[in-house]
């Protein structure tokens, strides 16, 4: 991480926000906010702030260890846990416990939206396992959390994904990691609001909550410059996964907040292969920051 400084909120921001790797350069999308600074034609003499953003880490601790390189702060939008890798069925807690063949089968059932059959298969597999289900899962999750929280840089601002277990985070988050859910923080003069978790689905992942509970967290944020969440707002182009060939759940409350408060950015993950990775909703730039588990590269913003 590099040392950074704060500037005034909103007014007179200068910089470029875009997608990119660590340690300098973005691959695309330069521009956005830009003002010429005083004293130097076409330049800006104020201190700039750079933030890297990741989501859907799913066990990729190797790349997570360098995700904050060159930035003033790292933001993590959740899903640290890898329960089952839909691209590589040999990876994750499920195949570790039940083998790749059973992982193949359950992915096939879930992709076909045959959720009742998938649950029946899961019940049969758990019944045949010598270890209690909750004990086995918690033990595996703890191993993953110990590895991933240990490599988070200082400072990191994080919120939960739908596959995370919030009750375990206080045991592993170090003093340089701030966990936020329905809360705000100022970074470099901009106010960032965080909403963790997902909405209830037939998948029944660990941190799914009701629409009402989720909306209450969004409401608590008020007006922010950057709205950070794990799941996207409820926009078809942002919620459709082109590989899974299904719509994931997005939040109507997030979409309403975008229309009402008009943040500069809405950042999120959850949908691994979105139909539209980036689009404008009104004056807000909505950005899926990427499936970090597969890309290993953070999304960068600088102002």
C-alpha atoms as a PDB file:
ATOM      1  CA  UNK A   1       0.000   0.000   0.000  1.00  0.00           C
ATOM      2  CA  UNK A   2       1.141   3.541  -0.575  1.00  0.00           C
ATOM      3  CA  UNK A   3       0.590   6.548   1.639  1.00  0.00           C
ATOM      4  CA  UNK A   4      -2.372   8.671   0.559  1.00  0.00           C
ATOM      5  CA  UNK A   5      -3.959  11.981   1.429  1.00  0.00           C
ATOM      6  CA  UNK A   6      -7.499  13.271   1.691  1.00  0.00           C
ATOM      7  CA  UNK A   7      -9.044  15.970  -0.424  1.00  0.00           C
ATOM      8  CA  UNK A   8     -12.365  17.762  -0.158  1.00  0.00           C
ATOM      9  CA  UNK A   9     -15.508  15.750  -0.806  1.00  0.00           C
ATOM     10  CA  UNK A  10     -16.895  15.903  -4.348  1.00  0.00           C
ATOM     11  CA  UNK A  11     -16.107  19.483  -5.229  1.00  0.00           C
ATOM     12  CA  UNK A  12     -13.031  19.894  -7.406  1.00  0.00           C
ATOM     13  CA  UNK A  13     -12.171  16.205  -7.640  1.00  0.00           C
ATOM     14  CA  UNK A  14      -9.723  15.378 -10.361  1.00  0.00           C
ATOM     15  CA  UNK A  15      -8.656  12.037 -11.625  1.00  0.00           C
ATOM     16  CA  UNK A  16      -9.556   8.962 -13.549  1.00  0.00           C
ATOM     17  CA  UNK A  17     -11.568   5.976 -12.512  1.00  0.00           C
ATOM     18  CA  UNK A  18     -11.323   2.701 -14.373  1.00  0.00           C
ATOM     19  CA  UNK A  19     -10.555  -0.947 -14.536  1.00  0.00           C
ATOM     20  CA  UNK A  20      -6.988  -2.029 -14.172  1.00  0.00           C
ATOM     21  CA  UNK A  21      -4.208  -3.934 -12.537  1.00  0.00           C
ATOM     22  CA  UNK A  22      -2.025  -3.018  -9.607  1.00  0.00           C
ATOM     23  CA  UNK A  23       0.969  -0.769  -9.434  1.00  0.00           C
ATOM     24  CA  UNK A  24       0.168   1.764 -12.101  1.00  0.00           C
ATOM     25  CA  UNK A  25      -1.796   1.650 -15.314  1.00  0.00           C
ATOM     26  CA  UNK A  26      -5.365   0.740 -16.011  1.00  0.00           C
ATOM     27  CA  UNK A  27      -6.318  -1.413 -18.938  1.00  0.00           C
ATOM     28  CA  UNK A  28      -9.318   0.638 -19.979  1.00  0.00           C
ATOM     29  CA  UNK A  29     -11.824   3.285 -18.966  1.00  0.00           C
ATOM     30  CA  UNK A  30      -9.604   6.216 -18.140  1.00  0.00           C
ATOM     31  CA  UNK A  31     -11.373   9.473 -17.567  1.00  0.00           C
ATOM     32  CA  UNK A  32     -14.552  10.232 -15.728  1.00  0.00           C
ATOM     33  CA  UNK A  33     -13.794  13.010 -13.252  1.00  0.00           C
ATOM     34  CA  UNK A  34     -11.190  15.454 -14.481  1.00  0.00           C
ATOM     35  CA  UNK A  35     -10.289  19.022 -13.639  1.00  0.00           C
ATOM     36  CA  UNK A  36      -7.101  20.888 -14.362  1.00  0.00           C
ATOM     37  CA  UNK A  37      -5.361  21.717 -11.111  1.00  0.00           C
ATOM     38  CA  UNK A  38      -4.211  25.227 -10.235  1.00  0.00           C
ATOM     39  CA  UNK A  39      -0.739  26.421 -11.024  1.00  0.00           C
ATOM     40  CA  UNK A  40       0.179  23.841 -13.677  1.00  0.00           C
ATOM     41  CA  UNK A  41      -1.594  23.996 -17.054  1.00  0.00           C
ATOM     42  CA  UNK A  42      -3.502  20.758 -17.534  1.00  0.00           C
ATOM     43  CA  UNK A  43      -2.205  19.400 -14.216  1.00  0.00           C
ATOM     44  CA  UNK A  44      -3.323  18.952 -10.627  1.00  0.00           C
ATOM     45  CA  UNK A  45      -1.062  19.766  -7.696  1.00  0.00           C
ATOM     46  CA  UNK A  46      -3.291  18.137  -5.055  1.00  0.00           C
ATOM     47  CA  UNK A  47      -2.656  14.754  -3.511  1.00  0.00           C
ATOM     48  CA  UNK A  48      -4.411  11.962  -5.349  1.00  0.00           C
ATOM     49  CA  UNK A  49      -6.048   8.883  -3.880  1.00  0.00           C
ATOM     50  CA  UNK A  50      -6.077   5.427  -5.450  1.00  0.00           C
ATOM     51  CA  UNK A  51      -8.311   2.593  -4.270  1.00  0.00           C
ATOM     52  CA  UNK A  52      -8.365  -1.013  -5.494  1.00  0.00           C
ATOM     53  CA  UNK A  53     -11.611  -2.995  -5.318  1.00  0.00           C
ATOM     54  CA  UNK A  54     -12.127  -6.763  -5.395  1.00  0.00           C
ATOM     55  CA  UNK A  55     -15.107  -9.077  -5.036  1.00  0.00           C
ATOM     56  CA  UNK A  56     -15.773 -12.806  -5.222  1.00  0.00           C
ATOM     57  CA  UNK A  57     -12.317 -13.800  -4.051  1.00  0.00           C
ATOM     58  CA  UNK A  58     -13.409 -17.425  -3.525  1.00  0.00           C
ATOM     59  CA  UNK A  59     -10.174 -18.714  -2.073  1.00  0.00           C
ATOM     60  CA  UNK A  60      -7.705 -16.826  -4.291  1.00  0.00           C
ATOM     61  CA  UNK A  61      -5.376 -15.831  -1.464  1.00  0.00           C
ATOM     62  CA  UNK A  62      -2.312 -15.767  -3.732  1.00  0.00           C
ATOM     63  CA  UNK A  63      -3.523 -12.809  -5.798  1.00  0.00           C
ATOM     64  CA  UNK A  64      -5.298 -11.235  -2.830  1.00  0.00           C
ATOM     65  CA  UNK A  65      -1.886 -10.801  -1.198  1.00  0.00           C
ATOM     66  CA  UNK A  66      -0.874  -8.275  -3.900  1.00  0.00           C
ATOM     67  CA  UNK A  67      -4.301  -6.779  -4.677  1.00  0.00           C
ATOM     68  CA  UNK A  68      -3.540  -3.613  -2.721  1.00  0.00           C
ATOM     69  CA  UNK A  69      -0.120  -2.954  -4.220  1.00  0.00           C
ATOM     70  CA  UNK A  70       0.171   0.663  -5.360  1.00  0.00           C
ATOM     71  CA  UNK A  71      -3.108   1.736  -3.735  1.00  0.00           C
ATOM     72  CA  UNK A  72      -3.986   3.803  -0.676  1.00  0.00           C
ATOM     73  CA  UNK A  73      -6.679   1.304   0.360  1.00  0.00           C
ATOM     74  CA  UNK A  74      -8.202  -2.013  -0.644  1.00  0.00           C
ATOM     75  CA  UNK A  75     -11.962  -2.585  -0.711  1.00  0.00           C
ATOM     76  CA  UNK A  76     -13.248  -6.163  -0.599  1.00  0.00           C
ATOM     77  CA  UNK A  77     -16.905  -6.788  -1.441  1.00  0.00           C
ATOM     78  CA  UNK A  78     -17.088 -10.297  -0.051  1.00  0.00           C
ATOM     79  CA  UNK A  79     -17.387 -13.953  -0.965  1.00  0.00           C
ATOM     80  CA  UNK A  80     -14.017 -14.946   0.427  1.00  0.00           C
ATOM     81  CA  UNK A  81     -15.133 -18.548   0.836  1.00  0.00           C
ATOM     82  CA  UNK A  82     -14.808 -21.133  -1.936  1.00  0.00           C
ATOM     83  CA  UNK A  83     -17.501 -23.750  -1.402  1.00  0.00           C
ATOM     84  CA  UNK A  84     -17.611 -25.014  -4.989  1.00  0.00           C
ATOM     85  CA  UNK A  85     -15.858 -23.704  -8.097  1.00  0.00           C
ATOM     86  CA  UNK A  86     -18.316 -23.897 -10.991  1.00  0.00           C
ATOM     87  CA  UNK A  87     -15.442 -23.603 -13.495  1.00  0.00           C
ATOM     88  CA  UNK A  88     -13.241 -26.233 -11.830  1.00  0.00           C
ATOM     89  CA  UNK A  89     -15.294 -28.781  -9.907  1.00  0.00           C
ATOM     90  CA  UNK A  90     -12.217 -30.160  -8.178  1.00  0.00           C
ATOM     91  CA  UNK A  91     -11.795 -26.997  -6.074  1.00  0.00           C
ATOM     92  CA  UNK A  92     -13.638 -26.006  -2.926  1.00  0.00           C
ATOM     93  CA  UNK A  93     -15.126 -27.339   0.287  1.00  0.00           C
ATOM     94  CA  UNK A  94     -17.742 -29.500  -1.445  1.00  0.00           C
ATOM     95  CA  UNK A  95     -15.374 -31.590  -3.622  1.00  0.00           C
ATOM     96  CA  UNK A  96     -12.913 -31.837  -0.735  1.00  0.00           C
ATOM     97  CA  UNK A  97     -15.629 -33.554   1.276  1.00  0.00           C
ATOM     98  CA  UNK A  98     -17.544 -35.475  -1.401  1.00  0.00           C
ATOM     99  CA  UNK A  99     -15.322 -35.796  -4.470  1.00  0.00           C
ATOM    100  CA  UNK A 100     -15.322 -34.264  -7.929  1.00  0.00           C
ATOM    101  CA  UNK A 101     -17.942 -36.628  -9.378  1.00  0.00           C
ATOM    102  CA  UNK A 102     -20.547 -35.498  -6.865  1.00  0.00           C
ATOM    103  CA  UNK A 103     -19.501 -31.901  -7.485  1.00  0.00           C
ATOM    104  CA  UNK A 104     -20.122 -32.420 -11.219  1.00  0.00           C
ATOM    105  CA  UNK A 105     -23.583 -33.749 -10.461  1.00  0.00           C
ATOM    106  CA  UNK A 106     -24.665 -30.988  -8.099  1.00  0.00           C
ATOM    107  CA  UNK A 107     -23.443 -28.279 -10.484  1.00  0.00           C
ATOM    108  CA  UNK A 108     -25.440 -29.936 -13.271  1.00  0.00           C
ATOM    109  CA  UNK A 109     -28.604 -29.948 -11.139  1.00  0.00           C
ATOM    110  CA  UNK A 110     -28.215 -26.372  -9.936  1.00  0.00           C
ATOM    111  CA  UNK A 111     -27.452 -25.059 -13.416  1.00  0.00           C
ATOM    112  CA  UNK A 112     -30.621 -26.759 -14.661  1.00  0.00           C
ATOM    113  CA  UNK A 113     -32.467 -25.107 -11.736  1.00  0.00           C
ATOM    114  CA  UNK A 114     -33.433 -28.516 -10.394  1.00  0.00           C
ATOM    115  CA  UNK A 115     -32.946 -27.265  -6.858  1.00  0.00           C
ATOM    116  CA  UNK A 116     -35.088 -29.885  -5.119  1.00  0.00           C
ATOM    117  CA  UNK A 117     -32.985 -32.675  -6.649  1.00  0.00           C
ATOM    118  CA  UNK A 118     -29.789 -30.832  -5.743  1.00  0.00           C
ATOM    119  CA  UNK A 119     -30.944 -30.515  -2.134  1.00  0.00           C
ATOM    120  CA  UNK A 120     -31.876 -34.205  -2.025  1.00  0.00           C
ATOM    121  CA  UNK A 121     -28.421 -35.153  -3.311  1.00  0.00           C
ATOM    122  CA  UNK A 122     -26.846 -32.885  -0.723  1.00  0.00           C
ATOM    123  CA  UNK A 123     -28.884 -34.411   2.098  1.00  0.00           C
ATOM    124  CA  UNK A 124     -27.860 -37.919   1.053  1.00  0.00           C
ATOM    125  CA  UNK A 125     -24.183 -36.990   0.891  1.00  0.00           C
ATOM    126  CA  UNK A 126     -24.218 -35.282   4.273  1.00  0.00           C
ATOM    127  CA  UNK A 127     -26.066 -38.206   5.848  1.00  0.00           C
ATOM    128  CA  UNK A 128     -23.320 -40.558   4.708  1.00  0.00           C
ATOM    129  CA  UNK A 129     -20.539 -38.333   6.074  1.00  0.00           C
ATOM    130  CA  UNK A 130     -19.110 -39.313   9.436  1.00  0.00           C
ATOM    131  CA  UNK A 131     -18.705 -35.667  10.520  1.00  0.00           C
ATOM    132  CA  UNK A 132     -21.531 -33.331  11.491  1.00  0.00           C
ATOM    133  CA  UNK A 133     -22.375 -30.969   8.612  1.00  0.00           C
ATOM    134  CA  UNK A 134     -21.998 -27.687  10.506  1.00  0.00           C
ATOM    135  CA  UNK A 135     -18.744 -28.797  12.093  1.00  0.00           C
ATOM    136  CA  UNK A 136     -17.254 -29.869   8.765  1.00  0.00           C
ATOM    137  CA  UNK A 137     -18.207 -26.641   6.994  1.00  0.00           C
ATOM    138  CA  UNK A 138     -17.084 -24.367   9.797  1.00  0.00           C
ATOM    139  CA  UNK A 139     -13.739 -26.110  10.053  1.00  0.00           C
ATOM    140  CA  UNK A 140     -13.119 -25.709   6.308  1.00  0.00           C
ATOM    141  CA  UNK A 141     -14.272 -22.077   6.285  1.00  0.00           C
ATOM    142  CA  UNK A 142     -12.005 -21.273   9.218  1.00  0.00           C
ATOM    143  CA  UNK A 143      -9.004 -22.619   7.311  1.00  0.00           C
ATOM    144  CA  UNK A 144      -9.847 -20.441   4.322  1.00  0.00           C
ATOM    145  CA  UNK A 145     -10.480 -17.332   6.422  1.00  0.00           C
ATOM    146  CA  UNK A 146      -7.208 -17.732   8.334  1.00  0.00           C
ATOM    147  CA  UNK A 147      -5.314 -17.816   5.033  1.00  0.00           C
ATOM    148  CA  UNK A 148      -7.121 -14.916   3.365  1.00  0.00           C
ATOM    149  CA  UNK A 149      -7.459 -12.437   6.212  1.00  0.00           C
ATOM    150  CA  UNK A 150      -3.743 -12.893   6.910  1.00  0.00           C
ATOM    151  CA  UNK A 151      -2.817 -11.384   3.514  1.00  0.00           C
ATOM    152  CA  UNK A 152      -5.198  -8.392   3.515  1.00  0.00           C
ATOM    153  CA  UNK A 153      -3.263  -5.107   3.423  1.00  0.00           C
ATOM    154  CA  UNK A 154      -3.647  -2.197   5.811  1.00  0.00           C
ATOM    155  CA  UNK A 155      -6.038  -0.504   5.327  1.00  0.00           C
ATOM    156  CA  UNK A 156      -8.731  -2.810   3.986  1.00  0.00           C
ATOM    157  CA  UNK A 157     -12.454  -2.008   4.043  1.00  0.00           C
ATOM    158  CA  UNK A 158     -14.582  -5.137   3.661  1.00  0.00           C
ATOM    159  CA  UNK A 159     -18.157  -6.330   3.632  1.00  0.00           C
ATOM    160  CA  UNK A 160     -19.713  -9.788   3.476  1.00  0.00           C
ATOM    161  CA  UNK A 161     -20.777 -11.774   0.432  1.00  0.00           C
ATOM    162  CA  UNK A 162     -23.688 -14.186   0.397  1.00  0.00           C
ATOM    163  CA  UNK A 163     -21.435 -17.232   0.929  1.00  0.00           C
ATOM    164  CA  UNK A 164     -19.581 -15.684   3.866  1.00  0.00           C
ATOM    165  CA  UNK A 165     -20.234 -16.388   7.549  1.00  0.00           C
ATOM    166  CA  UNK A 166     -20.274 -12.986   9.310  1.00  0.00           C
ATOM    167  CA  UNK A 167     -20.076 -14.458  12.818  1.00  0.00           C
ATOM    168  CA  UNK A 168     -16.549 -15.736  12.097  1.00  0.00           C
ATOM    169  CA  UNK A 169     -15.077 -12.522  10.683  1.00  0.00           C
ATOM    170  CA  UNK A 170     -14.248 -10.833  14.026  1.00  0.00           C
ATOM    171  CA  UNK A 171     -11.939 -13.749  14.853  1.00  0.00           C
ATOM    172  CA  UNK A 172      -9.814 -13.253  11.730  1.00  0.00           C
ATOM    173  CA  UNK A 173     -10.041  -9.565  10.744  1.00  0.00           C
ATOM    174  CA  UNK A 174      -6.868  -7.840  11.918  1.00  0.00           C
ATOM    175  CA  UNK A 175      -6.578  -4.239  13.146  1.00  0.00           C
ATOM    176  CA  UNK A 176      -5.976  -3.017   9.586  1.00  0.00           C
ATOM    177  CA  UNK A 177      -9.281  -4.454   8.315  1.00  0.00           C
ATOM    178  CA  UNK A 178     -12.508  -2.505   8.870  1.00  0.00           C
ATOM    179  CA  UNK A 179     -15.682  -4.545   8.389  1.00  0.00           C
ATOM    180  CA  UNK A 180     -18.718  -2.505   7.321  1.00  0.00           C
ATOM    181  CA  UNK A 181     -22.330  -3.544   6.723  1.00  0.00           C
ATOM    182  CA  UNK A 182     -24.969  -0.828   6.517  1.00  0.00           C
ATOM    183  CA  UNK A 183     -22.205   1.649   7.425  1.00  0.00           C
ATOM    184  CA  UNK A 184     -20.150   4.450   5.866  1.00  0.00           C
ATOM    185  CA  UNK A 185     -16.498   5.442   5.794  1.00  0.00           C
ATOM    186  CA  UNK A 186     -14.567   8.344   4.247  1.00  0.00           C
ATOM    187  CA  UNK A 187     -11.603   7.536   2.008  1.00  0.00           C
ATOM    188  CA  UNK A 188      -9.681  10.344   0.367  1.00  0.00           C
ATOM    189  CA  UNK A 189     -12.529  12.783   0.869  1.00  0.00           C
ATOM    190  CA  UNK A 190     -15.187  10.550  -0.667  1.00  0.00           C
ATOM    191  CA  UNK A 191     -17.896   8.820   1.360  1.00  0.00           C
ATOM    192  CA  UNK A 192     -18.204   5.076   0.716  1.00  0.00           C
ATOM    193  CA  UNK A 193     -21.285   3.168   1.897  1.00  0.00           C
ATOM    194  CA  UNK A 194     -21.244  -0.621   2.344  1.00  0.00           C
ATOM    195  CA  UNK A 195     -24.063  -3.174   2.234  1.00  0.00           C
ATOM    196  CA  UNK A 196     -23.129  -6.834   2.681  1.00  0.00           C
ATOM    197  CA  UNK A 197     -24.779 -10.167   1.988  1.00  0.00           C
ATOM    198  CA  UNK A 198     -27.337 -11.319  -0.536  1.00  0.00           C
ATOM    199  CA  UNK A 199     -31.085 -11.804  -0.838  1.00  0.00           C
ATOM    200  CA  UNK A 200     -32.895 -15.074  -0.265  1.00  0.00           C
ATOM    201  CA  UNK A 201     -32.736 -17.612  -3.092  1.00  0.00           C
ATOM    202  CA  UNK A 202     -33.337 -21.362  -3.577  1.00  0.00           C
ATOM    203  CA  UNK A 203     -29.547 -21.793  -3.180  1.00  0.00           C
ATOM    204  CA  UNK A 204     -29.828 -20.969   0.558  1.00  0.00           C
ATOM    205  CA  UNK A 205     -26.270 -19.695   0.917  1.00  0.00           C
ATOM    206  CA  UNK A 206     -25.093 -18.694   4.422  1.00  0.00           C
ATOM    207  CA  UNK A 207     -25.670 -14.935   4.391  1.00  0.00           C
ATOM    208  CA  UNK A 208     -28.969 -14.423   2.601  1.00  0.00           C
ATOM    209  CA  UNK A 209     -31.425 -12.055   4.259  1.00  0.00           C
ATOM    210  CA  UNK A 210     -34.930 -10.765   3.590  1.00  0.00           C
ATOM    211  CA  UNK A 211     -35.576  -7.917   1.163  1.00  0.00           C
ATOM    212  CA  UNK A 212     -36.817  -5.809   4.087  1.00  0.00           C
ATOM    213  CA  UNK A 213     -33.679  -6.324   6.185  1.00  0.00           C
ATOM    214  CA  UNK A 214     -31.475  -5.575   3.196  1.00  0.00           C
ATOM    215  CA  UNK A 215     -33.441  -2.414   2.333  1.00  0.00           C
ATOM    216  CA  UNK A 216     -33.062  -1.168   5.912  1.00  0.00           C
ATOM    217  CA  UNK A 217     -29.269  -1.409   5.614  1.00  0.00           C
ATOM    218  CA  UNK A 218     -29.323   0.521   2.342  1.00  0.00           C
ATOM    219  CA  UNK A 219     -31.545   3.180   3.901  1.00  0.00           C
ATOM    220  CA  UNK A 220     -29.134   3.679   6.815  1.00  0.00           C
ATOM    221  CA  UNK A 221     -26.391   4.786   4.429  1.00  0.00           C
ATOM    222  CA  UNK A 222     -28.094   7.956   3.254  1.00  0.00           C
ATOM    223  CA  UNK A 223     -26.256   9.857   0.522  1.00  0.00           C
ATOM    224  CA  UNK A 224     -22.817   8.523  -0.405  1.00  0.00           C
ATOM    225  CA  UNK A 225     -20.329   9.141  -3.187  1.00  0.00           C
ATOM    226  CA  UNK A 226     -19.656   5.432  -3.777  1.00  0.00           C
ATOM    227  CA  UNK A 227     -22.227   2.732  -3.024  1.00  0.00           C
ATOM    228  CA  UNK A 228     -20.493  -0.602  -2.360  1.00  0.00           C
ATOM    229  CA  UNK A 229     -22.385  -3.896  -2.165  1.00  0.00           C
ATOM    230  CA  UNK A 230     -21.846  -7.550  -2.885  1.00  0.00           C
ATOM    231  CA  UNK A 231     -24.916  -7.992  -5.082  1.00  0.00           C
ATOM    232  CA  UNK A 232     -25.850  -5.659  -7.958  1.00  0.00           C
ATOM    233  CA  UNK A 233     -28.852  -3.372  -8.225  1.00  0.00           C
ATOM    234  CA  UNK A 234     -31.887  -5.012  -9.812  1.00  0.00           C
ATOM    235  CA  UNK A 235     -31.093  -4.288 -13.458  1.00  0.00           C
ATOM    236  CA  UNK A 236     -31.411  -7.216 -15.925  1.00  0.00           C
ATOM    237  CA  UNK A 237     -28.177  -6.433 -17.772  1.00  0.00           C
ATOM    238  CA  UNK A 238     -26.266  -6.429 -14.470  1.00  0.00           C
ATOM    239  CA  UNK A 239     -27.868  -9.521 -12.915  1.00  0.00           C
ATOM    240  CA  UNK A 240     -27.772 -11.960 -15.860  1.00  0.00           C
ATOM    241  CA  UNK A 241     -24.881 -14.446 -15.824  1.00  0.00           C
ATOM    242  CA  UNK A 242     -24.037 -15.427 -19.400  1.00  0.00           C
ATOM    243  CA  UNK A 243     -22.294 -18.681 -18.441  1.00  0.00           C
ATOM    244  CA  UNK A 244     -24.736 -19.922 -15.802  1.00  0.00           C
ATOM    245  CA  UNK A 245     -27.528 -18.729 -18.147  1.00  0.00           C
ATOM    246  CA  UNK A 246     -29.662 -17.347 -15.359  1.00  0.00           C
ATOM    247  CA  UNK A 247     -30.546 -14.140 -13.573  1.00  0.00           C
ATOM    248  CA  UNK A 248     -28.969 -13.759 -10.149  1.00  0.00           C
ATOM    249  CA  UNK A 249     -30.864 -11.783  -7.529  1.00  0.00           C
ATOM    250  CA  UNK A 250     -30.249  -8.062  -7.556  1.00  0.00           C
ATOM    251  CA  UNK A 251     -31.573  -5.514  -5.095  1.00  0.00           C
ATOM    252  CA  UNK A 252     -34.493  -3.203  -5.793  1.00  0.00           C
ATOM    253  CA  UNK A 253     -33.473  -1.200  -2.705  1.00  0.00           C
ATOM    254  CA  UNK A 254     -30.038  -0.551  -4.222  1.00  0.00           C
ATOM    255  CA  UNK A 255     -31.623   0.552  -7.495  1.00  0.00           C
ATOM    256  CA  UNK A 256     -34.042   2.865  -5.678  1.00  0.00           C
ATOM    257  CA  UNK A 257     -31.142   4.378  -3.702  1.00  0.00           C
ATOM    258  CA  UNK A 258     -29.224   4.986  -6.939  1.00  0.00           C
ATOM    259  CA  UNK A 259     -32.194   6.838  -8.429  1.00  0.00           C
ATOM    260  CA  UNK A 260     -32.836   8.762  -5.214  1.00  0.00           C
ATOM    261  CA  UNK A 261     -29.335   9.729  -4.043  1.00  0.00           C
ATOM    262  CA  UNK A 262     -27.335   9.565  -7.302  1.00  0.00           C
ATOM    263  CA  UNK A 263     -23.933   8.357  -6.064  1.00  0.00           C
ATOM    264  CA  UNK A 264     -20.983   8.733  -8.418  1.00  0.00           C
ATOM    265  CA  UNK A 265     -20.439   4.977  -8.495  1.00  0.00           C
ATOM    266  CA  UNK A 266     -22.197   1.780  -7.505  1.00  0.00           C
ATOM    267  CA  UNK A 267     -19.635  -1.022  -7.157  1.00  0.00           C
ATOM    268  CA  UNK A 268     -20.526  -4.699  -6.714  1.00  0.00           C
ATOM    269  CA  UNK A 269     -19.696  -8.272  -7.719  1.00  0.00           C
ATOM    270  CA  UNK A 270     -21.676 -11.515  -7.249  1.00  0.00           C
ATOM    271  CA  UNK A 271     -22.451 -12.085 -10.955  1.00  0.00           C
ATOM    272  CA  UNK A 272     -19.303 -13.754 -12.248  1.00  0.00           C
ATOM    273  CA  UNK A 273     -19.907 -13.383 -16.010  1.00  0.00           C
ATOM    274  CA  UNK A 274     -22.358 -10.465 -16.344  1.00  0.00           C
ATOM    275  CA  UNK A 275     -24.124  -9.536 -19.550  1.00  0.00           C
ATOM    276  CA  UNK A 276     -23.060  -5.937 -18.906  1.00  0.00           C
ATOM    277  CA  UNK A 277     -20.023  -5.462 -16.646  1.00  0.00           C
ATOM    278  CA  UNK A 278     -20.571  -1.705 -16.599  1.00  0.00           C
ATOM    279  CA  UNK A 279     -23.436   0.664 -17.387  1.00  0.00           C
ATOM    280  CA  UNK A 280     -24.930   3.973 -16.335  1.00  0.00           C
ATOM    281  CA  UNK A 281     -28.144   4.219 -14.347  1.00  0.00           C
ATOM    282  CA  UNK A 282     -29.074   7.880 -14.428  1.00  0.00           C
ATOM    283  CA  UNK A 283     -25.907   9.730 -13.443  1.00  0.00           C
ATOM    284  CA  UNK A 284     -24.422   6.753 -11.559  1.00  0.00           C
ATOM    285  CA  UNK A 285     -21.759   4.531 -13.085  1.00  0.00           C
ATOM    286  CA  UNK A 286     -22.603   0.945 -12.079  1.00  0.00           C
ATOM    287  CA  UNK A 287     -19.563  -1.326 -12.203  1.00  0.00           C
ATOM    288  CA  UNK A 288     -19.176  -5.055 -11.644  1.00  0.00           C
ATOM    289  CA  UNK A 289     -15.625  -5.012 -10.281  1.00  0.00           C
ATOM    290  CA  UNK A 290     -14.936  -8.521 -11.545  1.00  0.00           C
ATOM    291  CA  UNK A 291     -14.666 -12.168 -10.543  1.00  0.00           C
ATOM    292  CA  UNK A 292     -11.385 -11.875  -8.641  1.00  0.00           C
ATOM    293  CA  UNK A 293     -11.129 -15.646  -8.157  1.00  0.00           C
ATOM    294  CA  UNK A 294     -10.536 -16.077 -11.888  1.00  0.00           C
ATOM    295  CA  UNK A 295      -8.952 -12.765 -12.938  1.00  0.00           C
ATOM    296  CA  UNK A 296      -6.707 -12.119  -9.934  1.00  0.00           C
ATOM    297  CA  UNK A 297      -6.827  -8.413 -10.783  1.00  0.00           C
ATOM    298  CA  UNK A 298      -8.484  -5.596  -8.808  1.00  0.00           C
ATOM    299  CA  UNK A 299     -10.576  -2.827 -10.282  1.00  0.00           C
ATOM    300  CA  UNK A 300      -8.912   0.540  -9.695  1.00  0.00           C
ATOM    301  CA  UNK A 301     -10.277   4.017  -9.119  1.00  0.00           C
ATOM    302  CA  UNK A 302      -8.250   7.171  -8.673  1.00  0.00           C
ATOM    303  CA  UNK A 303      -9.177  10.752  -7.971  1.00  0.00           C
END
